[in-house]
Each structure stands twice: as structure tokens, then as C-alpha cells.
Amino acid sequence: MKQVEVKEQYKRERVEKLKKLNSDAFSYRYLIEDQVTDAITEGNRSMLEDTLKIINLDEMLEYLGEEGKEFQLRNFKNQLIIVNTYCRIAAKNGGVLPLYLHLISERFSILIEDAESIQYLRENVYYEIYREYCQAVIDFSTLTYSSAMTEVVSYITENLTSELTLTNIASIFGMHPVHLARKFKQETGTTFIGYVNQQRIYLAKYYFHLGNYQLSEVANLSGFNSHSYFTKVFKKITGQTPTKYIKQLPINEKA
């Protein structure tokens, strides 16, 4: 075979291989996207974890290009921005209220942009985006709530930094406090104060990621009047103290 023909054959093989790689990447990406969005919308943690197990992140990172670490990091960040967007839409379809979606979305946007290495994004962001949105649906979906309860939780979300007590909320909606407490636990699966605290802690996380406030300021901005109570609630919900959480933020992380 002539040298020219060998070169042409090599070019054709290379093009076909590239087409196959692109096709595989496209199919793989959308297969994963469909499965994780379904799991998030349904609030199905088991289905989500099963799907995450089949993701080959090393293989996925191979498609980011070989033009240098900075280029790869930017590409991975762009991919995570897309993930953040479709996970947010999936959680919205799962009945999560707008403010809660905003807090999660903005927090991960900050995490993504501030990260200085692919390794950090792999270990602290990629899988957690899916899990966080899925957990939001599990904890805060309003799809099964009655219209009255949807109004109550919407009011709570819109007034997180105000004084929120069972008595004043019951008064606002013309309900007896005991009836509201019982109905709240029945429909949301948690107590009134537990629900309020969960939302306030996610608001606190958002402020921590901004990096512009002291711990005591964040406690106040999140609706807590007591620094010690804020620390106690934060640890109960997240499993770590606010101080430890802050130390793990990407602004304190070195590449």
C-alpha cells in the first residue's frame, strides 16, 4: 500500500475513533443526567446512590482536554455549572421552594468558582451537588402538602429572619397552635421548629460561603438570636461545628 493511502486510512480511522468517543461521551452523559434527575425529582436517595456508583469520573475527566491543568479545571468547572443547573431544575420539579433552591445553587456556584484544583472539586463538590438537591426534595418537597400547609411553609421560607413561633404562625393563618403542630408534623415529617432550623442552617451555609461575615454575624443573619444556640443547631443538622465547617471552605483550601 502506498504511503499516501496509509496516511489517508490512518486519518479515516482517527476520525472514526473520535466520532465514537464523542458518541460514547454524549450517550453516557445523558444517560447519567436522565437517571440522576429522575432520582432527585422523586427524592429517591437509593436510586441516586446506585446511579452515582456507575459514574466513572476518571473517564469523564478524559474528555476535558489535554491542554494543561488550568484548561482542564475550567472545563470541569463549566461541566459542574451545568450539573448544578439541571439538578436545580430537577429539585424544582420535585416541589422544592425557590428560596431553598437559590441557597443551594448559589452555594455550589461559589464552591465551583473558588476551587483551585480538580481534586477539590472531585472530593467535595461533584457528588455532593446531586446529594444535596435530592435531600432537599426529601426534606422540603411541597408536592404532597395540602394547600394550607404549602402556604404555611412558603411563609416560613419568605420570613426566615423574622421571629417564627408556632403561636404567631397559627395566628396568622387562623389555626389553633396544637392543630398546626399536629398537621405540620403529619405533612412535613418534622416538627415546626425543626423545619425552621433546617432552613435557617442552609441560609447560614450560604453566608459562610460568601466569606464576608463573622460567625456571630452569620448567626444573626440566619435568624438566630443566640450564638450558642446557633452552634448547637448547626452541629446537630450538619454533624460539625460552624468553625470546622468554615475551615473546610475552598477559600481556606490550597490547591
C-alpha atoms as a PDB file:
ATOM      1  CA  MET A   1       0.000   0.000   0.000  1.00  0.00           C
ATOM      2  CA  LYS A   2       1.321   3.403  -0.942  1.00  0.00           C
ATOM      3  CA  GLN A   3       2.383   5.784   1.800  1.00  0.00           C
ATOM      4  CA  VAL A   4      -0.314   8.317   0.821  1.00  0.00           C
ATOM      5  CA  GLU A   5      -3.014   5.646   1.103  1.00  0.00           C
ATOM      6  CA  VAL A   6      -1.691   4.570   4.521  1.00  0.00           C
ATOM      7  CA  LYS A   7      -1.871   8.154   5.756  1.00  0.00           C
ATOM      8  CA  GLU A   8      -5.419   8.562   4.430  1.00  0.00           C
ATOM      9  CA  GLN A   9      -6.516   5.323   6.067  1.00  0.00           C
ATOM     10  CA  TYR A  10      -4.940   6.439   9.341  1.00  0.00           C
ATOM     11  CA  LYS A  11      -6.801   9.754   9.120  1.00  0.00           C
ATOM     12  CA  ARG A  12     -10.110   7.978   8.499  1.00  0.00           C
ATOM     13  CA  GLU A  13      -9.535   5.650  11.441  1.00  0.00           C
ATOM     14  CA  ARG A  14      -8.655   8.565  13.668  1.00  0.00           C
ATOM     15  CA  VAL A  15     -11.812  10.460  12.647  1.00  0.00           C
ATOM     16  CA  GLU A  16     -13.975   7.381  13.242  1.00  0.00           C
ATOM     17  CA  LYS A  17     -12.396   6.841  16.634  1.00  0.00           C
ATOM     18  CA  LEU A  18     -13.031  10.459  17.550  1.00  0.00           C
ATOM     19  CA  LYS A  19     -16.649  10.169  16.416  1.00  0.00           C
ATOM     20  CA  LYS A  20     -17.100   7.072  18.554  1.00  0.00           C
ATOM     21  CA  LEU A  21     -15.560   8.779  21.566  1.00  0.00           C
ATOM     22  CA  ASN A  22     -17.860  11.759  21.135  1.00  0.00           C
ATOM     23  CA  SER A  23     -20.859   9.482  20.678  1.00  0.00           C
ATOM     24  CA  ASP A  24     -19.968   7.464  23.779  1.00  0.00           C
ATOM     25  CA  ALA A  25     -19.432  10.618  25.802  1.00  0.00           C
ATOM     26  CA  PHE A  26     -22.737  12.086  24.633  1.00  0.00           C
ATOM     27  CA  SER A  27     -24.723   8.923  25.368  1.00  0.00           C
ATOM     28  CA  TYR A  28     -23.035   8.391  28.729  1.00  0.00           C
ATOM     29  CA  ARG A  29     -23.597  11.971  29.794  1.00  0.00           C
ATOM     30  CA  TYR A  30     -27.296  11.985  29.008  1.00  0.00           C
ATOM     31  CA  LEU A  31     -27.895   8.542  30.455  1.00  0.00           C
ATOM     32  CA  ILE A  32     -26.447   9.731  33.776  1.00  0.00           C
ATOM     33  CA  GLU A  33     -28.269  13.058  33.555  1.00  0.00           C
ATOM     34  CA  ASP A  34     -31.641  11.378  32.997  1.00  0.00           C
ATOM     35  CA  GLN A  35     -31.170   8.923  35.852  1.00  0.00           C
ATOM     36  CA  VAL A  36     -29.932  11.412  38.435  1.00  0.00           C
ATOM     37  CA  THR A  37     -32.585  13.998  37.589  1.00  0.00           C
ATOM     38  CA  ASP A  38     -35.304  11.364  37.960  1.00  0.00           C
ATOM     39  CA  ALA A  39     -33.844  10.328  41.327  1.00  0.00           C
ATOM     40  CA  ILE A  40     -33.660  13.943  42.520  1.00  0.00           C
ATOM     41  CA  THR A  41     -37.186  14.817  41.394  1.00  0.00           C
ATOM     42  CA  GLU A  42     -38.527  11.729  43.151  1.00  0.00           C
ATOM     43  CA  GLY A  43     -36.389  12.325  46.244  1.00  0.00           C
ATOM     44  CA  ASN A  44     -35.128   8.776  45.815  1.00  0.00           C
ATOM     45  CA  ARG A  45     -31.765   8.649  47.617  1.00  0.00           C
ATOM     46  CA  SER A  46     -31.269   4.921  46.988  1.00  0.00           C
ATOM     47  CA  MET A  47     -31.759   5.322  43.241  1.00  0.00           C
ATOM     48  CA  LEU A  48     -29.407   8.303  43.236  1.00  0.00           C
ATOM     49  CA  GLU A  49     -26.624   6.454  45.068  1.00  0.00           C
ATOM     50  CA  ASP A  50     -26.953   3.462  42.716  1.00  0.00           C
ATOM     51  CA  THR A  51     -26.557   5.822  39.755  1.00  0.00           C
ATOM     52  CA  LEU A  52     -23.588   7.658  41.266  1.00  0.00           C
ATOM     53  CA  LYS A  53     -21.798   4.328  41.717  1.00  0.00           C
ATOM     54  CA  ILE A  54     -21.716   3.727  37.957  1.00  0.00           C
ATOM     55  CA  ILE A  55     -20.221   7.139  37.159  1.00  0.00           C
ATOM     56  CA  ASN A  56     -16.621   6.763  36.061  1.00  0.00           C
ATOM     57  CA  LEU A  57     -15.292  10.201  36.931  1.00  0.00           C
ATOM     58  CA  ASP A  58     -11.795   9.403  35.654  1.00  0.00           C
ATOM     59  CA  GLU A  59     -13.228   8.540  32.259  1.00  0.00           C
ATOM     60  CA  MET A  60     -15.356  11.657  32.290  1.00  0.00           C
ATOM     61  CA  LEU A  61     -12.343  13.826  33.058  1.00  0.00           C
ATOM     62  CA  GLU A  62     -10.536  12.421  30.000  1.00  0.00           C
ATOM     63  CA  TYR A  63     -12.949  14.391  27.826  1.00  0.00           C
ATOM     64  CA  LEU A  64     -11.892  17.694  29.358  1.00  0.00           C
ATOM     65  CA  GLY A  65      -8.926  18.039  27.034  1.00  0.00           C
ATOM     66  CA  GLU A  66      -5.169  17.826  27.470  1.00  0.00           C
ATOM     67  CA  GLU A  67      -4.216  21.466  27.034  1.00  0.00           C
ATOM     68  CA  GLY A  68      -2.987  21.917  30.594  1.00  0.00           C
ATOM     69  CA  LYS A  69      -4.294  21.871  34.149  1.00  0.00           C
ATOM     70  CA  GLU A  70      -5.849  25.336  34.019  1.00  0.00           C
ATOM     71  CA  PHE A  71      -7.778  24.473  30.862  1.00  0.00           C
ATOM     72  CA  GLN A  72      -8.971  21.176  32.366  1.00  0.00           C
ATOM     73  CA  LEU A  73     -10.005  22.881  35.592  1.00  0.00           C
ATOM     74  CA  ARG A  74     -12.022  25.483  33.675  1.00  0.00           C
ATOM     75  CA  ASN A  75     -13.713  22.765  31.627  1.00  0.00           C
ATOM     76  CA  PHE A  76     -14.572  20.773  34.735  1.00  0.00           C
ATOM     77  CA  LYS A  77     -15.984  23.889  36.382  1.00  0.00           C
ATOM     78  CA  ASN A  78     -18.136  24.517  33.301  1.00  0.00           C
ATOM     79  CA  GLN A  79     -19.406  20.944  33.471  1.00  0.00           C
ATOM     80  CA  LEU A  80     -20.271  21.353  37.151  1.00  0.00           C
ATOM     81  CA  ILE A  81     -22.141  24.580  36.414  1.00  0.00           C
ATOM     82  CA  ILE A  82     -24.304  22.577  34.002  1.00  0.00           C
ATOM     83  CA  VAL A  83     -24.791  19.858  36.630  1.00  0.00           C
ATOM     84  CA  ASN A  84     -25.811  22.487  39.189  1.00  0.00           C
ATOM     85  CA  THR A  85     -28.374  23.881  36.747  1.00  0.00           C
ATOM     86  CA  TYR A  86     -30.117  20.649  35.793  1.00  0.00           C
ATOM     87  CA  CYS A  87     -30.096  19.417  39.398  1.00  0.00           C
ATOM     88  CA  ARG A  88     -31.775  22.658  40.437  1.00  0.00           C
ATOM     89  CA  ILE A  89     -34.459  22.154  37.784  1.00  0.00           C
ATOM     90  CA  ALA A  90     -34.947  18.547  38.928  1.00  0.00           C
ATOM     91  CA  ALA A  91     -35.394  19.674  42.551  1.00  0.00           C
ATOM     92  CA  LYS A  92     -37.801  22.398  41.445  1.00  0.00           C
ATOM     93  CA  ASN A  93     -39.864  19.755  39.674  1.00  0.00           C
ATOM     94  CA  GLY A  94     -39.712  17.835  42.939  1.00  0.00           C
ATOM     95  CA  GLY A  95     -41.524  20.647  44.721  1.00  0.00           C
ATOM     96  CA  VAL A  96     -38.681  22.488  46.480  1.00  0.00           C
ATOM     97  CA  LEU A  97     -39.429  26.164  47.122  1.00  0.00           C
ATOM     98  CA  PRO A  98     -37.491  28.878  45.188  1.00  0.00           C
ATOM     99  CA  LEU A  99     -35.500  30.334  48.090  1.00  0.00           C
ATOM    100  CA  TYR A 100     -34.193  26.948  49.129  1.00  0.00           C
ATOM    101  CA  LEU A 101     -33.176  26.194  45.529  1.00  0.00           C
ATOM    102  CA  HIS A 102     -31.419  29.554  45.327  1.00  0.00           C
ATOM    103  CA  LEU A 103     -29.436  28.940  48.518  1.00  0.00           C
ATOM    104  CA  ILE A 104     -28.190  25.557  47.310  1.00  0.00           C
ATOM    105  CA  SER A 105     -27.483  26.737  43.765  1.00  0.00           C
ATOM    106  CA  GLU A 106     -25.588  29.858  44.841  1.00  0.00           C
ATOM    107  CA  ARG A 107     -23.575  27.978  47.453  1.00  0.00           C
ATOM    108  CA  PHE A 108     -22.388  25.428  44.906  1.00  0.00           C
ATOM    109  CA  SER A 109     -21.709  28.183  42.357  1.00  0.00           C
ATOM    110  CA  ILE A 110     -19.347  29.782  44.865  1.00  0.00           C
ATOM    111  CA  LEU A 111     -17.730  26.432  45.677  1.00  0.00           C
ATOM    112  CA  ILE A 112     -17.156  25.719  41.995  1.00  0.00           C
ATOM    113  CA  GLU A 113     -15.688  29.098  41.083  1.00  0.00           C
ATOM    114  CA  ASP A 114     -13.476  29.366  44.181  1.00  0.00           C
ATOM    115  CA  ALA A 115     -11.985  25.870  43.864  1.00  0.00           C
ATOM    116  CA  GLU A 116      -8.324  25.814  42.879  1.00  0.00           C
ATOM    117  CA  SER A 117      -7.988  22.195  41.805  1.00  0.00           C
ATOM    118  CA  ILE A 118      -9.848  19.381  40.067  1.00  0.00           C
ATOM    119  CA  GLN A 119      -9.083  17.215  43.079  1.00  0.00           C
ATOM    120  CA  TYR A 120     -11.005  19.509  45.403  1.00  0.00           C
ATOM    121  CA  LEU A 121     -13.996  19.524  43.053  1.00  0.00           C
ATOM    122  CA  ARG A 122     -13.919  15.735  42.827  1.00  0.00           C
ATOM    123  CA  GLU A 123     -13.786  15.188  46.561  1.00  0.00           C
ATOM    124  CA  ASN A 124     -16.052  17.971  47.813  1.00  0.00           C
ATOM    125  CA  VAL A 125     -18.405  19.120  45.071  1.00  0.00           C
ATOM    126  CA  TYR A 126     -19.217  16.742  42.218  1.00  0.00           C
ATOM    127  CA  TYR A 127     -21.169  14.047  44.071  1.00  0.00           C
ATOM    128  CA  GLU A 128     -22.429  16.412  46.772  1.00  0.00           C
ATOM    129  CA  ILE A 129     -24.369  18.526  44.276  1.00  0.00           C
ATOM    130  CA  TYR A 130     -26.590  15.568  43.410  1.00  0.00           C
ATOM    131  CA  ARG A 131     -26.986  14.513  47.043  1.00  0.00           C
ATOM    132  CA  GLU A 132     -27.809  17.994  48.292  1.00  0.00           C
ATOM    133  CA  TYR A 133     -30.602  18.587  45.800  1.00  0.00           C
ATOM    134  CA  CYS A 134     -32.001  15.106  46.364  1.00  0.00           C
ATOM    135  CA  GLN A 135     -32.002  15.670  50.125  1.00  0.00           C
ATOM    136  CA  ALA A 136     -33.767  18.999  49.575  1.00  0.00           C
ATOM    137  CA  VAL A 137     -36.615  17.164  47.866  1.00  0.00           C
ATOM    138  CA  ILE A 138     -36.721  14.602  50.683  1.00  0.00           C
ATOM    139  CA  ASP A 139     -36.810  17.312  53.366  1.00  0.00           C
ATOM    140  CA  PHE A 140     -38.720  20.142  51.717  1.00  0.00           C
ATOM    141  CA  SER A 141     -40.838  18.962  48.785  1.00  0.00           C
ATOM    142  CA  THR A 142     -44.287  20.554  48.881  1.00  0.00           C
ATOM    143  CA  LEU A 143     -45.861  18.310  46.225  1.00  0.00           C
ATOM    144  CA  THR A 144     -47.789  16.225  48.738  1.00  0.00           C
ATOM    145  CA  TYR A 145     -48.725  19.117  51.029  1.00  0.00           C
ATOM    146  CA  SER A 146     -52.232  20.454  51.353  1.00  0.00           C
ATOM    147  CA  SER A 147     -52.774  23.974  50.018  1.00  0.00           C
ATOM    148  CA  ALA A 148     -52.902  25.292  53.595  1.00  0.00           C
ATOM    149  CA  MET A 149     -49.575  23.705  54.539  1.00  0.00           C
ATOM    150  CA  THR A 150     -47.973  24.928  51.317  1.00  0.00           C
ATOM    151  CA  GLU A 151     -48.956  28.467  52.289  1.00  0.00           C
ATOM    152  CA  VAL A 152     -47.529  27.990  55.791  1.00  0.00           C
ATOM    153  CA  VAL A 153     -44.126  26.674  54.655  1.00  0.00           C
ATOM    154  CA  SER A 154     -43.945  29.320  51.921  1.00  0.00           C
ATOM    155  CA  TYR A 155     -44.483  31.994  54.561  1.00  0.00           C
ATOM    156  CA  ILE A 156     -41.746  30.468  56.727  1.00  0.00           C
ATOM    157  CA  THR A 157     -39.307  30.439  53.812  1.00  0.00           C
ATOM    158  CA  GLU A 158     -40.045  34.068  52.965  1.00  0.00           C
ATOM    159  CA  ASN A 159     -39.649  35.203  56.588  1.00  0.00           C
ATOM    160  CA  LEU A 160     -36.744  33.120  57.888  1.00  0.00           C
ATOM    161  CA  THR A 161     -35.062  36.004  59.673  1.00  0.00           C
ATOM    162  CA  SER A 162     -38.241  37.133  61.446  1.00  0.00           C
ATOM    163  CA  GLU A 163     -39.496  35.766  64.752  1.00  0.00           C
ATOM    164  CA  LEU A 164     -41.150  32.491  63.821  1.00  0.00           C
ATOM    165  CA  THR A 165     -43.077  30.730  66.549  1.00  0.00           C
ATOM    166  CA  LEU A 166     -45.810  28.155  66.327  1.00  0.00           C
ATOM    167  CA  THR A 167     -48.186  30.549  68.089  1.00  0.00           C
ATOM    168  CA  ASN A 168     -47.701  33.530  65.795  1.00  0.00           C
ATOM    169  CA  ILE A 169     -47.808  31.420  62.619  1.00  0.00           C
ATOM    170  CA  ALA A 170     -51.016  29.748  63.830  1.00  0.00           C
ATOM    171  CA  SER A 171     -52.479  33.195  64.494  1.00  0.00           C
ATOM    172  CA  ILE A 172     -51.543  34.474  61.037  1.00  0.00           C
ATOM    173  CA  PHE A 173     -53.260  31.529  59.340  1.00  0.00           C
ATOM    174  CA  GLY A 174     -56.216  31.355  61.691  1.00  0.00           C
ATOM    175  CA  MET A 175     -55.331  27.972  63.167  1.00  0.00           C
ATOM    176  CA  HIS A 176     -55.025  26.639  66.699  1.00  0.00           C
ATOM    177  CA  PRO A 177     -51.346  26.071  67.639  1.00  0.00           C
ATOM    178  CA  VAL A 178     -51.964  22.449  68.674  1.00  0.00           C
ATOM    179  CA  HIS A 179     -53.753  21.718  65.397  1.00  0.00           C
ATOM    180  CA  LEU A 180     -50.975  23.393  63.392  1.00  0.00           C
ATOM    181  CA  ALA A 181     -48.261  21.461  65.244  1.00  0.00           C
ATOM    182  CA  ARG A 182     -50.024  18.152  64.600  1.00  0.00           C
ATOM    183  CA  LYS A 183     -50.743  18.933  60.950  1.00  0.00           C
ATOM    184  CA  PHE A 184     -47.204  20.253  60.415  1.00  0.00           C
ATOM    185  CA  LYS A 185     -45.608  17.053  61.716  1.00  0.00           C
ATOM    186  CA  GLN A 186     -48.092  14.917  59.780  1.00  0.00           C
ATOM    187  CA  GLU A 187     -47.407  16.585  56.417  1.00  0.00           C
ATOM    188  CA  THR A 188     -43.726  17.554  56.635  1.00  0.00           C
ATOM    189  CA  GLY A 189     -42.469  14.664  58.748  1.00  0.00           C
ATOM    190  CA  THR A 190     -40.719  17.022  61.144  1.00  0.00           C
ATOM    191  CA  THR A 191     -41.594  19.471  63.884  1.00  0.00           C
ATOM    192  CA  PHE A 192     -42.287  23.137  63.258  1.00  0.00           C
ATOM    193  CA  ILE A 193     -39.077  24.317  64.925  1.00  0.00           C
ATOM    194  CA  GLY A 194     -37.079  21.530  63.259  1.00  0.00           C
ATOM    195  CA  TYR A 195     -38.249  22.706  59.849  1.00  0.00           C
ATOM    196  CA  VAL A 196     -37.444  26.333  60.593  1.00  0.00           C
ATOM    197  CA  ASN A 197     -33.977  25.460  61.876  1.00  0.00           C
ATOM    198  CA  GLN A 198     -33.145  23.320  58.840  1.00  0.00           C
ATOM    199  CA  GLN A 199     -33.912  26.219  56.519  1.00  0.00           C
ATOM    200  CA  ARG A 200     -32.008  28.696  58.666  1.00  0.00           C
ATOM    201  CA  ILE A 201     -28.913  26.487  58.666  1.00  0.00           C
ATOM    202  CA  TYR A 202     -28.917  26.363  54.877  1.00  0.00           C
ATOM    203  CA  LEU A 203     -29.156  30.135  54.862  1.00  0.00           C
ATOM    204  CA  ALA A 204     -26.161  30.206  57.226  1.00  0.00           C
ATOM    205  CA  LYS A 205     -24.164  27.946  54.884  1.00  0.00           C
ATOM    206  CA  TYR A 206     -24.808  30.367  52.060  1.00  0.00           C
ATOM    207  CA  TYR A 207     -23.473  33.318  54.098  1.00  0.00           C
ATOM    208  CA  PHE A 208     -20.414  31.320  55.166  1.00  0.00           C
ATOM    209  CA  HIS A 209     -19.563  30.648  51.523  1.00  0.00           C
ATOM    210  CA  LEU A 210     -19.736  34.343  50.713  1.00  0.00           C
ATOM    211  CA  GLY A 211     -16.794  34.762  53.089  1.00  0.00           C
ATOM    212  CA  ASN A 212     -17.780  38.307  54.090  1.00  0.00           C
ATOM    213  CA  TYR A 213     -19.198  37.737  57.559  1.00  0.00           C
ATOM    214  CA  GLN A 214     -18.027  36.704  61.005  1.00  0.00           C
ATOM    215  CA  LEU A 215     -19.600  33.671  62.650  1.00  0.00           C
ATOM    216  CA  SER A 216     -21.703  35.794  65.014  1.00  0.00           C
ATOM    217  CA  GLU A 217     -22.950  37.892  62.090  1.00  0.00           C
ATOM    218  CA  VAL A 218     -23.992  34.788  60.168  1.00  0.00           C
ATOM    219  CA  ALA A 219     -25.916  33.502  63.180  1.00  0.00           C
ATOM    220  CA  ASN A 220     -27.839  36.773  63.330  1.00  0.00           C
ATOM    221  CA  LEU A 221     -28.389  36.997  59.553  1.00  0.00           C
ATOM    222  CA  SER A 222     -29.803  33.470  59.593  1.00  0.00           C
ATOM    223  CA  GLY A 223     -32.439  34.292  62.188  1.00  0.00           C
ATOM    224  CA  PHE A 224     -30.738  33.038  65.358  1.00  0.00           C
ATOM    225  CA  ASN A 225     -30.716  35.366  68.366  1.00  0.00           C
ATOM    226  CA  SER A 226     -28.269  33.204  70.327  1.00  0.00           C
ATOM    227  CA  HIS A 227     -24.748  32.370  69.137  1.00  0.00           C
ATOM    228  CA  SER A 228     -24.584  29.259  71.336  1.00  0.00           C
ATOM    229  CA  TYR A 229     -27.972  28.001  70.135  1.00  0.00           C
ATOM    230  CA  PHE A 230     -26.914  28.551  66.534  1.00  0.00           C
ATOM    231  CA  THR A 231     -23.764  26.468  67.094  1.00  0.00           C
ATOM    232  CA  LYS A 232     -25.795  23.704  68.738  1.00  0.00           C
ATOM    233  CA  VAL A 233     -28.359  23.568  65.910  1.00  0.00           C
ATOM    234  CA  PHE A 234     -25.686  23.807  63.201  1.00  0.00           C
ATOM    235  CA  LYS A 235     -23.802  20.820  64.624  1.00  0.00           C
ATOM    236  CA  LYS A 236     -26.997  18.796  65.060  1.00  0.00           C
ATOM    237  CA  ILE A 237     -28.028  19.305  61.422  1.00  0.00           C
ATOM    238  CA  THR A 238     -24.634  19.203  59.661  1.00  0.00           C
ATOM    239  CA  GLY A 239     -22.654  16.950  62.001  1.00  0.00           C
ATOM    240  CA  GLN A 240     -19.934  19.555  62.525  1.00  0.00           C
ATOM    241  CA  THR A 241     -19.468  22.874  64.277  1.00  0.00           C
ATOM    242  CA  PRO A 242     -19.656  26.140  62.315  1.00  0.00           C
ATOM    243  CA  THR A 243     -15.940  26.694  62.948  1.00  0.00           C
ATOM    244  CA  LYS A 244     -14.998  23.339  61.448  1.00  0.00           C
ATOM    245  CA  TYR A 245     -17.324  23.925  58.505  1.00  0.00           C
ATOM    246  CA  ILE A 246     -15.711  27.302  57.789  1.00  0.00           C
ATOM    247  CA  LYS A 247     -12.209  25.794  57.852  1.00  0.00           C
ATOM    248  CA  GLN A 248     -13.196  23.373  55.085  1.00  0.00           C
ATOM    249  CA  LEU A 249     -14.420  26.079  52.708  1.00  0.00           C
ATOM    250  CA  PRO A 250     -12.490  26.491  49.416  1.00  0.00           C
ATOM    251  CA  ILE A 251     -11.322  29.989  50.438  1.00  0.00           C
ATOM    252  CA  ASN A 252      -9.234  28.151  53.048  1.00  0.00           C
ATOM    253  CA  GLU A 253      -8.284  25.308  50.723  1.00  0.00           C
ATOM    254  CA  LYS A 254      -4.954  25.253  48.924  1.00  0.00           C
ATOM    255  CA  ALA A 255      -4.519  23.576  45.563  1.00  0.00           C
END
